[in-house]
Amino acid sequence: MELRQLRSLLSVCDNDFSVSRAAALLNIVQPAVSQHLKQLESQLSTPLFQRRGKRLVGLSPAGEKVAQYAREAVRAEANILAVGDELEQPGRGLLRIGAT
C-alpha cells in the first residue's frame, strides 16, 4: 500500500466519485488513478466502492473505513513534512485566524 494510492482514493471520494476529476486534481492521468484503486482493492482483497456498471457511485462499508484511515495517514504525512519545514526554517510558520 502506498500513499499515492490513498491520495487517489480520497481524491475520488472528494470529487463525487469522478476518476477523471480526481486525476486532473492530482495532476496524473485517469488510467493511473484507476490503477491505484485497482491495486488497493487487490491488496485489501475487498471492493472499496459501490459500482453501477463501470461507474463508481459510492463507498462500500469497507471503503468507508479505509477512507477514514487514509485521511489520517495523509494528515500524518503532512505533519511529518511540516517537521522538516520547521527545522529548515525555524522562524517561519503558518498562522490561521478564525472569526465569527
Protein backbone atom coordinates (compact mmCIF):
# COMPACT_ATOMS: atom_id res chain seq x y z
CA MET A 1 0.00 0.00 0.00
CA GLU A 2 1.32 3.40 -0.96
CA LEU A 3 0.35 6.93 -0.04
CA ARG A 4 -0.32 7.75 -3.68
CA GLN A 5 -2.99 5.02 -3.74
CA LEU A 6 -4.58 6.51 -0.63
CA ARG A 7 -4.43 10.01 -2.15
CA SER A 8 -6.16 8.69 -5.27
CA LEU A 9 -8.86 7.05 -3.14
CA LEU A 10 -9.51 10.27 -1.22
CA SER A 11 -9.47 12.42 -4.34
CA VAL A 12 -12.08 10.19 -5.99
CA CYS A 13 -14.23 10.36 -2.84
CA ASP A 14 -13.89 14.15 -2.63
CA ASN A 15 -14.83 14.60 -6.30
CA ASP A 16 -18.18 12.79 -6.34
CA PHE A 17 -16.53 9.51 -7.39
CA SER A 18 -15.29 11.00 -10.66
CA VAL A 19 -11.98 9.36 -11.54
CA SER A 20 -11.36 11.92 -14.30
CA ARG A 21 -11.75 14.91 -11.97
CA ALA A 22 -9.64 13.21 -9.30
CA ALA A 23 -6.87 12.60 -11.85
CA ALA A 24 -6.96 16.22 -13.00
CA LEU A 25 -6.61 17.49 -9.44
CA LEU A 26 -3.77 15.07 -8.73
CA ASN A 27 -2.07 16.08 -11.99
CA ILE A 28 -1.90 12.50 -13.21
CA VAL A 29 -3.72 10.63 -15.96
CA GLN A 30 -7.03 8.90 -15.35
CA PRO A 31 -5.70 5.37 -16.01
CA ALA A 32 -3.13 5.89 -13.23
CA VAL A 33 -5.87 6.70 -10.70
CA SER A 34 -7.87 3.68 -11.85
CA GLN A 35 -4.76 1.53 -11.44
CA HIS A 36 -4.14 2.88 -7.93
CA LEU A 37 -7.68 2.00 -6.92
CA LYS A 38 -7.47 -1.44 -8.50
CA GLN A 39 -4.17 -2.17 -6.73
CA LEU A 40 -5.56 -1.01 -3.40
CA GLU A 41 -8.66 -3.19 -3.73
CA SER A 42 -6.45 -6.12 -4.76
CA GLN A 43 -4.13 -5.67 -1.78
CA LEU A 44 -7.05 -5.47 0.63
CA SER A 45 -8.96 -8.29 -1.11
CA THR A 46 -12.21 -6.37 -0.85
CA PRO A 47 -14.12 -3.88 -3.01
CA LEU A 48 -13.88 -0.31 -1.74
CA PHE A 49 -16.56 1.14 -3.99
CA GLN A 50 -20.16 0.55 -4.87
CA ARG A 51 -20.48 0.37 -8.62
CA ARG A 52 -23.19 0.72 -11.20
CA GLY A 53 -21.65 -0.93 -14.22
CA LYS A 54 -18.23 0.66 -14.58
CA ARG A 55 -19.28 3.83 -12.75
CA LEU A 56 -18.30 4.42 -9.12
CA VAL A 57 -21.33 5.57 -7.14
CA GLY A 58 -20.21 5.38 -3.52
CA LEU A 59 -18.02 3.70 -0.95
CA SER A 60 -18.62 0.18 0.29
CA PRO A 61 -18.67 -0.33 4.08
CA ALA A 62 -15.02 -1.42 3.89
CA GLY A 63 -14.28 1.62 1.71
CA GLU A 64 -15.71 3.92 4.38
CA LYS A 65 -13.30 2.53 6.96
CA VAL A 66 -10.33 2.60 4.60
CA ALA A 67 -11.08 6.21 3.59
CA GLN A 68 -11.18 7.22 7.26
CA TYR A 69 -7.74 5.69 7.88
CA ALA A 70 -6.45 7.11 4.59
CA ARG A 71 -7.38 10.64 5.72
CA GLU A 72 -5.44 10.08 8.94
CA ALA A 73 -2.42 8.77 7.00
CA VAL A 74 -2.40 11.71 4.58
CA ARG A 75 -2.76 14.12 7.51
CA ALA A 76 0.14 12.39 9.28
CA GLU A 77 2.26 12.74 6.14
CA ALA A 78 1.58 16.49 6.09
CA ASN A 79 2.58 16.73 9.77
CA ILE A 80 5.80 14.82 9.12
CA LEU A 81 6.67 17.13 6.23
CA ALA A 82 5.94 20.12 8.46
CA VAL A 83 8.58 18.92 10.93
CA GLY A 84 11.19 19.14 8.19
CA ASP A 85 9.99 22.61 7.21
CA GLU A 86 10.15 23.79 10.82
CA LEU A 87 13.73 22.60 11.20
CA GLU A 88 14.75 24.10 7.86
CA GLN A 89 13.14 27.49 8.51
CA PRO A 90 12.77 27.89 12.30
CA GLY A 91 11.27 31.40 12.33
CA ARG A 92 8.54 30.64 9.80
CA GLY A 93 5.16 29.09 10.30
CA LEU A 94 1.51 29.24 9.43
CA LEU A 95 -0.95 31.28 11.44
CA ARG A 96 -4.65 30.70 10.93
CA ILE A 97 -7.16 33.05 12.49
CA GLY A 98 -10.86 32.37 12.56
CA ALA A 99 -13.60 34.80 13.44
CA THR A 100 -17.37 34.75 13.59
